[in-house]
Amino acid sequence: KTYEALLSSLATSLDRIATPRVPPPTAAEQSARL
């Protein structure tokens, strides 16, 4: 339980400080990427 709580808390904290550097891809860009 303690292990899982630490994993979840660290991941949540790291995700909270994430800042996207590019805009979401358009549908055409998604298709081209795939």
PDB file of all heavy atoms in Angstrom:
ATOM      1  N   LYS A   1       0.835  -1.211   0.000  1.00  0.00           N
ATOM      2  CA  LYS A   1       0.000   0.000   0.000  1.00  0.00           C
ATOM      3  C   LYS A   1       0.862   1.251   0.000  1.00  0.00           C
ATOM      4  O   LYS A   1       0.603   2.205  -0.749  1.00  0.00           O
ATOM      5  CB  LYS A   1      -0.934  -0.015   1.207  1.00  0.00           C
ATOM      6  CG  LYS A   1      -1.905   1.154   1.243  1.00  0.00           C
ATOM      7  CD  LYS A   1      -2.841   1.042   2.433  1.00  0.00           C
ATOM      8  CE  LYS A   1      -3.808   2.225   2.475  1.00  0.00           C
ATOM      9  NZ  LYS A   1      -4.725   2.123   3.654  1.00  0.00           N
ATOM     10  N   THR A   2       1.899   1.260   0.816  1.00  0.00           N
ATOM     11  CA  THR A   2       2.804   2.413   0.870  1.00  0.00           C
ATOM     12  C   THR A   2       3.552   2.575  -0.442  1.00  0.00           C
ATOM     13  O   THR A   2       3.740   3.689  -0.942  1.00  0.00           O
ATOM     14  CB  THR A   2       3.804   2.239   2.030  1.00  0.00           C
ATOM     15  OG1 THR A   2       3.081   2.088   3.249  1.00  0.00           O
ATOM     16  CG2 THR A   2       4.726   3.440   2.143  1.00  0.00           C
ATOM     17  N   TYR A   3       3.985   1.452  -1.016  1.00  0.00           N
ATOM     18  CA  TYR A   3       4.704   1.469  -2.288  1.00  0.00           C
ATOM     19  C   TYR A   3       3.836   2.096  -3.376  1.00  0.00           C
ATOM     20  O   TYR A   3       4.270   2.993  -4.114  1.00  0.00           O
ATOM     21  CB  TYR A   3       5.075   0.033  -2.656  1.00  0.00           C
ATOM     22  CG  TYR A   3       6.326  -0.125  -3.498  1.00  0.00           C
ATOM     23  CD1 TYR A   3       7.476  -0.669  -2.960  1.00  0.00           C
ATOM     24  CD2 TYR A   3       6.336   0.251  -4.833  1.00  0.00           C
ATOM     25  CE1 TYR A   3       8.623  -0.832  -3.732  1.00  0.00           C
ATOM     26  CE2 TYR A   3       7.467   0.096  -5.602  1.00  0.00           C
ATOM     27  CZ  TYR A   3       8.609  -0.451  -5.050  1.00  0.00           C
ATOM     28  OH  TYR A   3       9.737  -0.606  -5.810  1.00  0.00           O
ATOM     29  N   GLU A   4       2.593   1.624  -3.482  1.00  0.00           N
ATOM     30  CA  GLU A   4       1.690   2.129  -4.517  1.00  0.00           C
ATOM     31  C   GLU A   4       1.374   3.606  -4.302  1.00  0.00           C
ATOM     32  O   GLU A   4       1.255   4.376  -5.266  1.00  0.00           O
ATOM     33  CB  GLU A   4       0.404   1.305  -4.529  1.00  0.00           C
ATOM     34  CG  GLU A   4       0.576  -0.117  -5.027  1.00  0.00           C
ATOM     35  CD  GLU A   4       1.015  -0.176  -6.483  1.00  0.00           C
ATOM     36  OE1 GLU A   4       0.719   0.772  -7.234  1.00  0.00           O
ATOM     37  OE2 GLU A   4       1.645  -1.176  -6.863  1.00  0.00           O
ATOM     38  N   ALA A   5       1.218   4.000  -3.044  1.00  0.00           N
ATOM     39  CA  ALA A   5       0.921   5.402  -2.748  1.00  0.00           C
ATOM     40  C   ALA A   5       2.065   6.309  -3.183  1.00  0.00           C
ATOM     41  O   ALA A   5       1.843   7.399  -3.731  1.00  0.00           O
ATOM     42  CB  ALA A   5       0.646   5.568  -1.253  1.00  0.00           C
ATOM     43  N   LEU A   6       3.297   5.877  -2.959  1.00  0.00           N
ATOM     44  CA  LEU A   6       4.457   6.671  -3.361  1.00  0.00           C
ATOM     45  C   LEU A   6       4.535   6.765  -4.886  1.00  0.00           C
ATOM     46  O   LEU A   6       4.786   7.845  -5.441  1.00  0.00           O
ATOM     47  CB  LEU A   6       5.733   6.048  -2.799  1.00  0.00           C
ATOM     48  CG  LEU A   6       7.049   6.749  -3.162  1.00  0.00           C
ATOM     49  CD1 LEU A   6       7.049   8.193  -2.685  1.00  0.00           C
ATOM     50  CD2 LEU A   6       8.240   5.995  -2.573  1.00  0.00           C
ATOM     51  N   LEU A   7       4.321   5.640  -5.571  1.00  0.00           N
ATOM     52  CA  LEU A   7       4.325   5.641  -7.038  1.00  0.00           C
ATOM     53  C   LEU A   7       3.297   6.629  -7.584  1.00  0.00           C
ATOM     54  O   LEU A   7       3.600   7.459  -8.454  1.00  0.00           O
ATOM     55  CB  LEU A   7       3.985   4.243  -7.555  1.00  0.00           C
ATOM     56  CG  LEU A   7       5.125   3.249  -7.742  1.00  0.00           C
ATOM     57  CD1 LEU A   7       4.557   1.860  -8.012  1.00  0.00           C
ATOM     58  CD2 LEU A   7       6.015   3.661  -8.899  1.00  0.00           C
ATOM     59  N   SER A   8       2.087   6.539  -7.090  1.00  0.00           N
ATOM     60  CA  SER A   8       1.004   7.388  -7.578  1.00  0.00           C
ATOM     61  C   SER A   8       1.280   8.851  -7.299  1.00  0.00           C
ATOM     62  O   SER A   8       1.080   9.713  -8.165  1.00  0.00           O
ATOM     63  CB  SER A   8      -0.312   6.964  -6.917  1.00  0.00           C
ATOM     64  OG  SER A   8      -1.363   7.811  -7.314  1.00  0.00           O
ATOM     65  N   SER A   9       1.770   9.141  -6.098  1.00  0.00           N
ATOM     66  CA  SER A   9       2.008  10.533  -5.717  1.00  0.00           C
ATOM     67  C   SER A   9       3.126  11.159  -6.547  1.00  0.00           C
ATOM     68  O   SER A   9       3.004  12.287  -7.024  1.00  0.00           O
ATOM     69  CB  SER A   9       2.351  10.609  -4.229  1.00  0.00           C
ATOM     70  OG  SER A   9       2.592  11.938  -3.838  1.00  0.00           O
ATOM     71  N   LEU A  10       4.217  10.415  -6.759  1.00  0.00           N
ATOM     72  CA  LEU A  10       5.324  10.940  -7.557  1.00  0.00           C
ATOM     73  C   LEU A  10       4.893  11.178  -9.009  1.00  0.00           C
ATOM     74  O   LEU A  10       5.201  12.214  -9.598  1.00  0.00           O
ATOM     75  CB  LEU A  10       6.508   9.976  -7.529  1.00  0.00           C
ATOM     76  CG  LEU A  10       7.447  10.041  -6.322  1.00  0.00           C
ATOM     77  CD1 LEU A  10       8.527   8.977  -6.439  1.00  0.00           C
ATOM     78  CD2 LEU A  10       8.082  11.416  -6.192  1.00  0.00           C
ATOM     79  N   ALA A  11       4.164  10.205  -9.589  1.00  0.00           N
ATOM     80  CA  ALA A  11       3.720  10.356 -10.976  1.00  0.00           C
ATOM     81  C   ALA A  11       2.779  11.547 -11.117  1.00  0.00           C
ATOM     82  O   ALA A  11       2.890  12.332 -12.077  1.00  0.00           O
ATOM     83  CB  ALA A  11       3.035   9.075 -11.444  1.00  0.00           C
ATOM     84  N   THR A  12       1.864  11.703 -10.166  1.00  0.00           N
ATOM     85  CA  THR A  12       0.922  12.826 -10.213  1.00  0.00           C
ATOM     86  C   THR A  12       1.659  14.154 -10.139  1.00  0.00           C
ATOM     87  O   THR A  12       1.352  15.104 -10.875  1.00  0.00           O
ATOM     88  CB  THR A  12      -0.098  12.714  -9.074  1.00  0.00           C
ATOM     89  OG1 THR A  12      -0.831  11.501  -9.224  1.00  0.00           O
ATOM     90  CG2 THR A  12      -1.070  13.893  -9.085  1.00  0.00           C
ATOM     91  N   SER A  13       2.644  14.243  -9.243  1.00  0.00           N
ATOM     92  CA  SER A  13       3.412  15.483  -9.092  1.00  0.00           C
ATOM     93  C   SER A  13       4.197  15.802 -10.361  1.00  0.00           C
ATOM     94  O   SER A  13       4.240  16.952 -10.808  1.00  0.00           O
ATOM     95  CB  SER A  13       4.361  15.371  -7.902  1.00  0.00           C
ATOM     96  OG  SER A  13       3.645  15.221  -6.692  1.00  0.00           O
ATOM     97  N   LEU A  14       4.810  14.772 -10.959  1.00  0.00           N
ATOM     98  CA  LEU A  14       5.599  14.992 -12.178  1.00  0.00           C
ATOM     99  C   LEU A  14       4.700  15.355 -13.365  1.00  0.00           C
ATOM    100  O   LEU A  14       5.079  16.166 -14.205  1.00  0.00           O
ATOM    101  CB  LEU A  14       6.418  13.743 -12.489  1.00  0.00           C
ATOM    102  CG  LEU A  14       7.606  13.507 -11.555  1.00  0.00           C
ATOM    103  CD1 LEU A  14       8.098  12.070 -11.638  1.00  0.00           C
ATOM    104  CD2 LEU A  14       8.740  14.475 -11.855  1.00  0.00           C
ATOM    105  N   ASP A  15       3.514  14.776 -13.420  1.00  0.00           N
ATOM    106  CA  ASP A  15       2.592  15.113 -14.501  1.00  0.00           C
ATOM    107  C   ASP A  15       2.045  16.534 -14.337  1.00  0.00           C
ATOM    108  O   ASP A  15       1.766  17.225 -15.320  1.00  0.00           O
ATOM    109  CB  ASP A  15       1.434  14.121 -14.544  1.00  0.00           C
ATOM    110  CG  ASP A  15       1.866  12.741 -15.019  1.00  0.00           C
ATOM    111  OD1 ASP A  15       2.983  12.636 -15.567  1.00  0.00           O
ATOM    112  OD2 ASP A  15       1.094  11.784 -14.834  1.00  0.00           O
ATOM    113  N   ARG A  16       1.902  16.970 -13.107  1.00  0.00           N
ATOM    114  CA  ARG A  16       1.340  18.294 -12.844  1.00  0.00           C
ATOM    115  C   ARG A  16       2.252  19.403 -13.349  1.00  0.00           C
ATOM    116  O   ARG A  16       1.793  20.468 -13.749  1.00  0.00           O
ATOM    117  CB  ARG A  16       1.089  18.456 -11.346  1.00  0.00           C
ATOM    118  CG  ARG A  16       0.289  19.699 -10.976  1.00  0.00           C
ATOM    119  CD  ARG A  16      -0.106  19.689  -9.519  1.00  0.00           C
ATOM    120  NE  ARG A  16       1.027  19.576  -8.627  1.00  0.00           N
ATOM    121  CZ  ARG A  16       1.241  18.562  -7.799  1.00  0.00           C
ATOM    122  NH1 ARG A  16       0.379  17.553  -7.760  1.00  0.00           N
ATOM    123  NH2 ARG A  16       2.304  18.523  -7.013  1.00  0.00           N
ATOM    124  N   ILE A  17       3.550  19.153 -13.367  1.00  0.00           N
ATOM    125  CA  ILE A  17       4.478  20.203 -13.794  1.00  0.00           C
ATOM    126  C   ILE A  17       4.797  20.115 -15.274  1.00  0.00           C
ATOM    127  O   ILE A  17       5.575  20.906 -15.800  1.00  0.00           O
ATOM    128  CB  ILE A  17       5.799  20.132 -12.990  1.00  0.00           C
ATOM    129  CG1 ILE A  17       6.532  18.808 -13.253  1.00  0.00           C
ATOM    130  CG2 ILE A  17       5.543  20.325 -11.509  1.00  0.00           C
ATOM    131  CD1 ILE A  17       7.903  18.727 -12.609  1.00  0.00           C
ATOM    132  N   ALA A  18       4.187  19.128 -15.971  1.00  0.00           N
ATOM    133  CA  ALA A  18       4.458  18.978 -17.400  1.00  0.00           C
ATOM    134  C   ALA A  18       3.831  20.137 -18.171  1.00  0.00           C
ATOM    135  O   ALA A  18       2.734  20.581 -17.876  1.00  0.00           O
ATOM    136  CB  ALA A  18       3.886  17.663 -17.908  1.00  0.00           C
ATOM    137  N   THR A  19       4.548  20.627 -19.153  1.00  0.00           N
ATOM    138  CA  THR A  19       4.054  21.717 -19.992  1.00  0.00           C
ATOM    139  C   THR A  19       4.194  21.304 -21.454  1.00  0.00           C
ATOM    140  O   THR A  19       5.304  21.173 -21.966  1.00  0.00           O
ATOM    141  CB  THR A  19       4.848  23.013 -19.740  1.00  0.00           C
ATOM    142  OG1 THR A  19       6.256  22.733 -19.890  1.00  0.00           O
ATOM    143  CG2 THR A  19       4.595  23.540 -18.345  1.00  0.00           C
ATOM    144  N   PRO A  20       3.060  21.085 -22.164  1.00  0.00           N
ATOM    145  CA  PRO A  20       3.144  20.711 -23.581  1.00  0.00           C
ATOM    146  C   PRO A  20       3.887  21.772 -24.388  1.00  0.00           C
ATOM    147  O   PRO A  20       3.650  22.962 -24.233  1.00  0.00           O
ATOM    148  CB  PRO A  20       1.670  20.626 -24.006  1.00  0.00           C
ATOM    149  CG  PRO A  20       0.922  20.413 -22.732  1.00  0.00           C
ATOM    150  CD  PRO A  20       1.692  21.147 -21.679  1.00  0.00           C
ATOM    151  N   ARG A  21       4.787  21.310 -25.240  1.00  0.00           N
ATOM    152  CA  ARG A  21       5.592  22.251 -26.028  1.00  0.00           C
ATOM    153  C   ARG A  21       5.071  22.420 -27.444  1.00  0.00           C
ATOM    154  O   ARG A  21       5.542  23.270 -28.176  1.00  0.00           O
ATOM    155  CB  ARG A  21       7.048  21.779 -26.059  1.00  0.00           C
ATOM    156  CG  ARG A  21       7.735  21.873 -24.708  1.00  0.00           C
ATOM    157  CD  ARG A  21       9.176  21.415 -24.821  1.00  0.00           C
ATOM    158  NE  ARG A  21       9.255  19.965 -24.978  1.00  0.00           N
ATOM    159  CZ  ARG A  21      10.390  19.309 -25.234  1.00  0.00           C
ATOM    160  NH1 ARG A  21      11.510  19.983 -25.395  1.00  0.00           N
ATOM    161  NH2 ARG A  21      10.389  17.998 -25.346  1.00  0.00           N
ATOM    162  N   VAL A  22       4.115  21.604 -27.844  1.00  0.00           N
ATOM    163  CA  VAL A  22       3.550  21.707 -29.182  1.00  0.00           C
ATOM    164  C   VAL A  22       2.040  21.554 -29.079  1.00  0.00           C
ATOM    165  O   VAL A  22       1.531  20.919 -28.156  1.00  0.00           O
ATOM    166  CB  VAL A  22       4.129  20.615 -30.117  1.00  0.00           C
ATOM    167  CG1 VAL A  22       5.583  20.878 -30.421  1.00  0.00           C
ATOM    168  CG2 VAL A  22       3.964  19.230 -29.499  1.00  0.00           C
ATOM    169  N   PRO A  23       1.281  22.133 -30.004  1.00  0.00           N
ATOM    170  CA  PRO A  23      -0.179  22.013 -29.958  1.00  0.00           C
ATOM    171  C   PRO A  23      -0.630  20.603 -30.314  1.00  0.00           C
ATOM    172  O   PRO A  23       0.123  19.838 -30.925  1.00  0.00           O
ATOM    173  CB  PRO A  23      -0.633  23.029 -31.008  1.00  0.00           C
ATOM    174  CG  PRO A  23       0.519  23.135 -31.955  1.00  0.00           C
ATOM    175  CD  PRO A  23       1.752  22.983 -31.118  1.00  0.00           C
ATOM    176  N   PRO A  24      -1.859  20.235 -29.951  1.00  0.00           N
ATOM    177  CA  PRO A  24      -2.370  18.907 -30.324  1.00  0.00           C
ATOM    178  C   PRO A  24      -2.365  18.740 -31.843  1.00  0.00           C
ATOM    179  O   PRO A  24      -2.625  19.687 -32.586  1.00  0.00           O
ATOM    180  CB  PRO A  24      -3.806  18.919 -29.781  1.00  0.00           C
ATOM    181  CG  PRO A  24      -3.812  19.966 -28.724  1.00  0.00           C
ATOM    182  CD  PRO A  24      -2.824  21.010 -29.161  1.00  0.00           C
ATOM    183  N   PRO A  25      -2.057  17.543 -32.335  1.00  0.00           N
ATOM    184  CA  PRO A  25      -2.016  17.333 -33.782  1.00  0.00           C
ATOM    185  C   PRO A  25      -3.420  17.374 -34.392  1.00  0.00           C
ATOM    186  O   PRO A  25      -4.399  16.971 -33.763  1.00  0.00           O
ATOM    187  CB  PRO A  25      -1.399  15.945 -33.930  1.00  0.00           C
ATOM    188  CG  PRO A  25      -1.714  15.255 -32.639  1.00  0.00           C
ATOM    189  CD  PRO A  25      -1.711  16.319 -31.586  1.00  0.00           C
ATOM    190  N   THR A  26      -3.518  17.844 -35.602  1.00  0.00           N
ATOM    191  CA  THR A  26      -4.777  17.810 -36.332  1.00  0.00           C
ATOM    192  C   THR A  26      -5.082  16.383 -36.754  1.00  0.00           C
ATOM    193  O   THR A  26      -4.218  15.491 -36.684  1.00  0.00           O
ATOM    194  CB  THR A  26      -4.693  18.702 -37.575  1.00  0.00           C
ATOM    195  OG1 THR A  26      -3.717  18.136 -38.475  1.00  0.00           O
ATOM    196  CG2 THR A  26      -4.295  20.125 -37.220  1.00  0.00           C
ATOM    197  N   ALA A  27      -6.305  16.149 -37.217  1.00  0.00           N
ATOM    198  CA  ALA A  27      -6.683  14.817 -37.681  1.00  0.00           C
ATOM    199  C   ALA A  27      -5.790  14.360 -38.834  1.00  0.00           C
ATOM    200  O   ALA A  27      -5.391  13.195 -38.913  1.00  0.00           O
ATOM    201  CB  ALA A  27      -8.151  14.808 -38.109  1.00  0.00           C
ATOM    202  N   ALA A  28      -5.472  15.296 -39.728  1.00  0.00           N
ATOM    203  CA  ALA A  28      -4.597  14.953 -40.853  1.00  0.00           C
ATOM    204  C   ALA A  28      -3.199  14.596 -40.364  1.00  0.00           C
ATOM    205  O   ALA A  28      -2.565  13.661 -40.881  1.00  0.00           O
ATOM    206  CB  ALA A  28      -4.536  16.111 -41.839  1.00  0.00           C
ATOM    207  N   GLU A  29      -2.709  15.311 -39.368  1.00  0.00           N
ATOM    208  CA  GLU A  29      -1.382  15.008 -38.815  1.00  0.00           C
ATOM    209  C   GLU A  29      -1.378  13.661 -38.110  1.00  0.00           C
ATOM    210  O   GLU A  29      -0.400  12.903 -38.195  1.00  0.00           O
ATOM    211  CB  GLU A  29      -0.962  16.121 -37.857  1.00  0.00           C
ATOM    212  CG  GLU A  29      -0.604  17.431 -38.554  1.00  0.00           C
ATOM    213  CD  GLU A  29      -0.359  18.553 -37.574  1.00  0.00           C
ATOM    214  OE1 GLU A  29      -0.953  18.539 -36.460  1.00  0.00           O
ATOM    215  OE2 GLU A  29       0.424  19.468 -37.908  1.00  0.00           O
ATOM    216  N   GLN A  30      -2.457  13.339 -37.401  1.00  0.00           N
ATOM    217  CA  GLN A  30      -2.552  12.034 -36.749  1.00  0.00           C
ATOM    218  C   GLN A  30      -2.507  10.902 -37.777  1.00  0.00           C
ATOM    219  O   GLN A  30      -1.813   9.899 -37.591  1.00  0.00           O
ATOM    220  CB  GLN A  30      -3.839  11.949 -35.940  1.00  0.00           C
ATOM    221  CG  GLN A  30      -3.904  12.873 -34.739  1.00  0.00           C
ATOM    222  CD  GLN A  30      -5.262  12.860 -34.073  1.00  0.00           C
ATOM    223  OE1 GLN A  30      -5.995  11.880 -34.127  1.00  0.00           O
ATOM    224  NE2 GLN A  30      -5.612  13.961 -33.424  1.00  0.00           N
ATOM    225  N   SER A  31      -3.231  11.080 -38.871  1.00  0.00           N
ATOM    226  CA  SER A  31      -3.248  10.045 -39.913  1.00  0.00           C
ATOM    227  C   SER A  31      -1.874   9.879 -40.548  1.00  0.00           C
ATOM    228  O   SER A  31      -1.414   8.753 -40.793  1.00  0.00           O
ATOM    229  CB  SER A  31      -4.283  10.408 -40.985  1.00  0.00           C
ATOM    230  OG  SER A  31      -5.579  10.429 -40.426  1.00  0.00           O
ATOM    231  N   ALA A  32      -1.216  10.996 -40.812  1.00  0.00           N
ATOM    232  CA  ALA A  32       0.118  10.930 -41.400  1.00  0.00           C
ATOM    233  C   ALA A  32       1.100  10.252 -40.451  1.00  0.00           C
ATOM    234  O   ALA A  32       1.952   9.456 -40.878  1.00  0.00           O
ATOM    235  CB  ALA A  32       0.598  12.334 -41.756  1.00  0.00           C
ATOM    236  N   ARG A  33       0.986  10.545 -39.156  1.00  0.00           N
ATOM    237  CA  ARG A  33       1.866   9.923 -38.169  1.00  0.00           C
ATOM    238  C   ARG A  33       1.657   8.427 -38.125  1.00  0.00           C
ATOM    239  O   ARG A  33       2.607   7.635 -38.096  1.00  0.00           O
ATOM    240  CB  ARG A  33       1.617  10.546 -36.795  1.00  0.00           C
ATOM    241  CG  ARG A  33       2.287   9.836 -35.618  1.00  0.00           C
ATOM    242  CD  ARG A  33       3.783   9.704 -35.792  1.00  0.00           C
ATOM    243  NE  ARG A  33       4.432  10.995 -35.812  1.00  0.00           N
ATOM    244  CZ  ARG A  33       5.631  11.227 -36.339  1.00  0.00           C
ATOM    245  NH1 ARG A  33       6.292  10.225 -36.929  1.00  0.00           N
ATOM    246  NH2 ARG A  33       6.175  12.418 -36.314  1.00  0.00           N
ATOM    247  N   LEU A  34       0.394   7.993 -38.137  1.00  0.00           N
ATOM    248  CA  LEU A  34       0.096   6.566 -38.097  1.00  0.00           C
ATOM    249  C   LEU A  34       0.638   5.841 -39.319  1.00  0.00           C
ATOM    250  O   LEU A  34       1.231   4.766 -39.217  1.00  0.00           O
ATOM    251  CB  LEU A  34      -1.413   6.347 -37.996  1.00  0.00           C
ATOM    252  CG  LEU A  34      -2.001   6.503 -36.597  1.00  0.00           C
ATOM    253  CD1 LEU A  34      -3.515   6.516 -36.665  1.00  0.00           C
ATOM    254  CD2 LEU A  34      -1.520   5.374 -35.693  1.00  0.00           C
TER     255      LEU A  34
END
